[in-house]
Structures are given as C-alpha cells and as structure tokens.
C-alpha cells in the first residue's frame, strides 16, 4: 500500500495499515510531530496550554505569529497521534520523496522510484482555488490580500475559514468562530453605515 501525504491523517492511516500487516510506504515530507502522546493523561494538561498559545499568542499581532503564518500555509501539519518511531515500529517505510506521477500503472516518486502498490490512499488535503474571483485581490503567494477576512481594496468582499486567517487556531472550530464573528461585526457595521441618514441623503 502507498499512502500519499505525510501529515497527521496520512500518518494515522499508514500506521493502522502497518499494524494490520500490510507492507506500507508513506510518501511525503514529515513536518514535525506533537512531542507528547495525546492519548495519555499529561495531554489533558498540555492541550489547554497549547490551545491558548494557538488562539492568543500565535496571531498576526505577534512577531512569532506573523513569522509562522507563511510556513503554516505552505505545507501540511505535523504528526499528531502517531510519531515517526510509531510508524517505524509498525513496519511503515518512510519515503520523503513526494508522489509525482504514474508509470505503467504504478505510482512514481519524485526520486524516480516506482512503488509496487496494489492500493493508493491519497491524504494530500486540499488546495484553495480563488481563480473564480475576478478581482485583483490575490497575492503572489496565492492567498487573498485580506486583513482578518476583510478585503480593504474591495469593500463588501470578505473571507472566512482561511488557514491562519488571524491565528494558528483559525483552522480549529474555536478559532474559525472568532474569525467569522469579526467578519460579521465588520459587515454589520458597514451595512449600518450604508443605512445612516447622512449616507442616504448623500446618495439620493
């Protein structure tokens, strides 16, 4: 079996396949791992601290958050439940080369290796596509030119649900909710301004 994508989902699937006795190759670069076992008691103490950091420290307000944002947006997340050592113990082969194509019906890695795999599991996440937005609001990095979801150059255009929209926690339910609340407050304030008597008289 070939599992494509070495973030937490790919790592979990490769681990389970390896434990079940299936020869498994995990293709892709691993970008770190959570340095503790999330299923043990210490995690109950550590996780609230990590969530606080993700929501209140690693934000666009702090130098560390601003430095981390492009890195987070560039690739997949770290291994969470399983670690490199767990994968190795389960018999999973770690191939840092990405899966790049197909040759004679077999997957081919970037280094030219052809993987003999009867099954391929894709765990590569997704890539956002903004090509349908016919406005000059996308930066050179492929991400919208927005501030907390508000697009200054195009009043009335908003974004919600972006990775690291304001904080590392933006990709979590609690963080996405805060981002959406900020966008709604801004939208409501703009709508109220448009309904103001001064605005109505000016445009009448």
Protein backbone atom coordinates (compact mmCIF):
# COMPACT_ATOMS: atom_id res chain seq x y z
CA UNK A 1 0.00 0.00 0.00
CA UNK A 2 1.14 3.56 -0.74
CA UNK A 3 -0.14 6.38 1.44
CA UNK A 4 0.42 9.77 -0.19
CA UNK A 5 0.71 12.69 2.21
CA UNK A 6 2.69 12.57 5.45
CA UNK A 7 0.64 14.84 7.69
CA UNK A 8 -1.45 13.56 10.59
CA UNK A 9 -4.19 11.85 8.51
CA UNK A 10 -1.69 10.08 6.28
CA UNK A 11 0.40 9.11 9.27
CA UNK A 12 -2.60 7.63 11.09
CA UNK A 13 -3.71 5.58 8.07
CA UNK A 14 -0.20 4.33 7.32
CA UNK A 15 0.21 3.36 10.97
CA UNK A 16 -3.02 1.35 11.06
CA UNK A 17 -2.18 -0.35 7.76
CA UNK A 18 1.28 -1.27 9.01
CA UNK A 19 -0.09 -2.67 12.27
CA UNK A 20 -2.52 -4.79 10.27
CA UNK A 21 0.42 -6.38 8.49
CA UNK A 22 0.18 -4.62 5.13
CA UNK A 23 3.52 -3.57 3.57
CA UNK A 24 3.09 0.21 3.58
CA UNK A 25 5.03 3.16 2.14
CA UNK A 26 4.27 6.68 3.42
CA UNK A 27 5.23 9.22 0.77
CA UNK A 28 5.96 12.86 1.58
CA UNK A 29 7.93 15.10 3.89
CA UNK A 30 7.01 14.91 7.57
CA UNK A 31 6.78 18.41 9.04
CA UNK A 32 7.37 17.72 12.72
CA UNK A 33 5.30 15.92 15.31
CA UNK A 34 3.47 16.74 18.54
CA UNK A 35 6.11 15.99 21.21
CA UNK A 36 3.84 14.01 23.56
CA UNK A 37 1.24 11.25 23.49
CA UNK A 38 -2.15 12.93 23.09
CA UNK A 39 -3.94 9.87 24.48
CA UNK A 40 -2.22 9.94 27.88
CA UNK A 41 -3.13 11.93 30.98
CA UNK A 42 -0.43 14.65 30.63
CA UNK A 43 -2.13 15.71 27.38
CA UNK A 44 -5.12 16.92 29.42
CA UNK A 45 -2.81 19.50 30.99
CA UNK A 46 -0.75 20.34 27.93
CA UNK A 47 -3.57 20.71 25.40
CA UNK A 48 -5.28 23.70 27.11
CA UNK A 49 -1.91 25.46 27.18
CA UNK A 50 -1.28 24.70 23.51
CA UNK A 51 -4.78 25.87 22.58
CA UNK A 52 -4.22 29.13 24.47
CA UNK A 53 -0.97 29.65 22.55
CA UNK A 54 -2.65 28.81 19.23
CA UNK A 55 -5.51 31.22 19.86
CA UNK A 56 -3.89 34.13 21.71
CA UNK A 57 -0.12 34.06 21.14
CA UNK A 58 0.41 32.72 17.62
CA UNK A 59 -1.59 35.50 15.98
CA UNK A 60 -0.98 38.29 13.49
CA UNK A 61 -0.45 40.63 16.48
CA UNK A 62 2.80 38.95 17.48
CA UNK A 63 6.13 38.76 15.60
CA UNK A 64 6.21 34.99 16.15
CA UNK A 65 2.72 34.58 14.70
CA UNK A 66 3.49 36.73 11.67
CA UNK A 67 6.65 34.70 11.04
CA UNK A 68 4.84 31.38 11.43
CA UNK A 69 1.87 32.18 9.18
CA UNK A 70 3.56 31.68 5.76
CA UNK A 71 5.15 28.45 7.00
CA UNK A 72 1.79 27.06 8.15
CA UNK A 73 0.16 27.95 4.84
CA UNK A 74 2.93 26.40 2.76
CA UNK A 75 2.56 22.72 3.72
CA UNK A 76 0.67 20.15 5.77
CA UNK A 77 0.56 19.93 9.53
CA UNK A 78 2.68 17.82 11.90
CA UNK A 79 2.05 14.25 13.01
CA UNK A 80 -0.31 14.32 15.98
CA UNK A 81 -1.40 10.89 17.23
CA UNK A 82 1.45 8.81 15.83
CA UNK A 83 5.14 9.64 15.72
CA UNK A 84 7.97 8.66 13.39
CA UNK A 85 9.04 5.97 15.87
CA UNK A 86 5.49 4.54 15.93
CA UNK A 87 5.45 4.31 12.14
CA UNK A 88 8.84 2.60 12.09
CA UNK A 89 7.73 0.09 14.73
CA UNK A 90 4.63 -0.65 12.67
CA UNK A 91 6.84 -1.50 9.69
CA UNK A 92 5.92 1.58 7.64
CA UNK A 93 8.58 2.71 5.19
CA UNK A 94 9.05 6.48 5.26
CA UNK A 95 9.77 7.88 1.80
CA UNK A 96 10.46 11.62 1.93
CA UNK A 97 10.06 11.96 -1.85
CA UNK A 98 6.64 13.10 -2.97
CA UNK A 99 4.48 11.03 -5.30
CA UNK A 100 4.92 12.72 -8.68
CA UNK A 101 3.31 10.58 -11.36
CA UNK A 102 2.49 7.18 -12.80
CA UNK A 103 4.46 4.73 -14.93
CA UNK A 104 2.93 1.56 -16.35
CA UNK A 105 0.07 1.84 -13.90
CA UNK A 106 2.36 2.20 -10.85
CA UNK A 107 2.95 5.34 -8.76
CA UNK A 108 6.31 7.08 -9.23
CA UNK A 109 8.07 9.17 -6.59
CA UNK A 110 10.00 12.37 -7.33
CA UNK A 111 13.29 10.50 -6.99
CA UNK A 112 12.25 8.17 -9.85
CA UNK A 113 11.36 5.19 -7.69
CA UNK A 114 8.40 3.14 -8.88
CA UNK A 115 6.33 1.85 -5.94
CA UNK A 116 4.78 -1.61 -6.31
CA UNK A 117 1.48 -0.87 -4.62
CA UNK A 118 -1.86 -2.60 -5.11
CA UNK A 119 -3.64 0.27 -3.29
CA UNK A 120 -3.01 4.01 -3.10
CA UNK A 121 -4.57 6.18 -0.39
CA UNK A 122 -4.49 9.93 -1.05
CA UNK A 123 -4.15 12.05 2.09
CA UNK A 124 -2.90 15.25 0.49
CA UNK A 125 -5.52 17.58 1.93
CA UNK A 126 -6.74 20.29 -0.41
CA UNK A 127 -5.59 23.43 -2.14
CA UNK A 128 -7.77 26.51 -2.15
CA UNK A 129 -8.70 27.91 -5.57
CA UNK A 130 -9.52 31.60 -5.85
CA UNK A 131 -9.28 31.79 -9.65
CA UNK A 132 -13.04 32.34 -9.93
CA UNK A 133 -12.78 35.68 -8.10
CA UNK A 134 -12.44 38.24 -10.91
CA UNK A 135 -10.82 40.93 -8.77
CA UNK A 136 -7.15 41.80 -8.12
CA UNK A 137 -7.28 40.59 -4.53
CA UNK A 138 -4.93 37.57 -4.63
CA UNK A 139 -1.30 38.00 -3.60
CA UNK A 140 1.81 36.49 -5.16
CA UNK A 141 1.64 33.66 -2.62
CA UNK A 142 -1.81 32.62 -3.89
CA UNK A 143 -3.65 33.82 -0.78
CA UNK A 144 -6.20 36.66 -0.57
CA UNK A 145 -4.95 40.14 0.33
CA UNK A 146 -7.16 40.46 3.41
CA UNK A 147 -6.96 41.64 6.98
CA UNK A 148 -8.78 39.25 9.30
CA UNK A 149 -11.06 38.34 6.39
CA UNK A 150 -11.79 41.93 5.32
CA UNK A 151 -10.51 42.97 1.87
CA UNK A 152 -9.58 46.69 2.07
CA UNK A 153 -9.22 47.09 -1.71
CA UNK A 154 -12.70 45.65 -2.43
CA UNK A 155 -15.28 46.86 0.13
CA UNK A 156 -18.00 44.27 0.57
CA UNK A 157 -15.73 41.29 -0.14
CA UNK A 158 -14.95 39.08 2.84
CA UNK A 159 -13.24 35.76 3.54
CA UNK A 160 -13.80 33.25 6.33
CA UNK A 161 -12.25 29.87 7.02
CA UNK A 162 -8.74 30.61 5.74
CA UNK A 163 -5.80 28.82 7.31
CA UNK A 164 -4.17 31.16 9.83
CA UNK A 165 -6.66 33.88 8.94
CA UNK A 166 -5.83 35.60 12.22
CA UNK A 167 -4.23 32.92 14.38
CA UNK A 168 -2.89 29.40 14.32
CA UNK A 169 -6.26 28.43 15.84
CA UNK A 170 -8.11 29.66 12.72
CA UNK A 171 -8.06 26.07 11.43
CA UNK A 172 -9.87 24.91 14.60
CA UNK A 173 -13.57 25.32 15.40
CA UNK A 174 -12.93 27.87 18.16
CA UNK A 175 -10.59 29.94 16.04
CA UNK A 176 -12.78 29.83 12.91
CA UNK A 177 -15.71 31.02 15.03
CA UNK A 178 -13.77 34.03 16.26
CA UNK A 179 -12.71 34.89 12.71
CA UNK A 180 -16.29 34.64 11.44
CA UNK A 181 -17.52 36.82 14.31
CA UNK A 182 -15.01 39.53 13.36
CA UNK A 183 -16.14 39.44 9.71
CA UNK A 184 -19.82 39.64 10.70
CA UNK A 185 -19.16 42.62 13.01
CA UNK A 186 -17.38 44.43 10.19
CA UNK A 187 -20.12 43.56 7.69
CA UNK A 188 -22.85 44.71 10.08
CA UNK A 189 -21.08 47.99 10.78
CA UNK A 190 -20.73 48.63 7.05
CA UNK A 191 -24.41 47.84 6.45
CA UNK A 192 -25.41 50.18 9.28
CA UNK A 193 -23.26 52.96 7.81
CA UNK A 194 -24.90 52.50 4.42
CA UNK A 195 -28.34 52.91 6.07
CA UNK A 196 -27.40 56.04 8.01
CA UNK A 197 -29.45 59.22 7.19
CA UNK A 198 -26.30 61.06 6.10
CA UNK A 199 -25.42 58.28 3.67
CA UNK A 200 -28.99 58.06 2.32
CA UNK A 201 -29.17 61.84 1.73
CA UNK A 202 -25.75 61.84 0.07
CA UNK A 203 -26.67 59.12 -2.41
CA UNK A 204 -30.27 60.31 -3.05
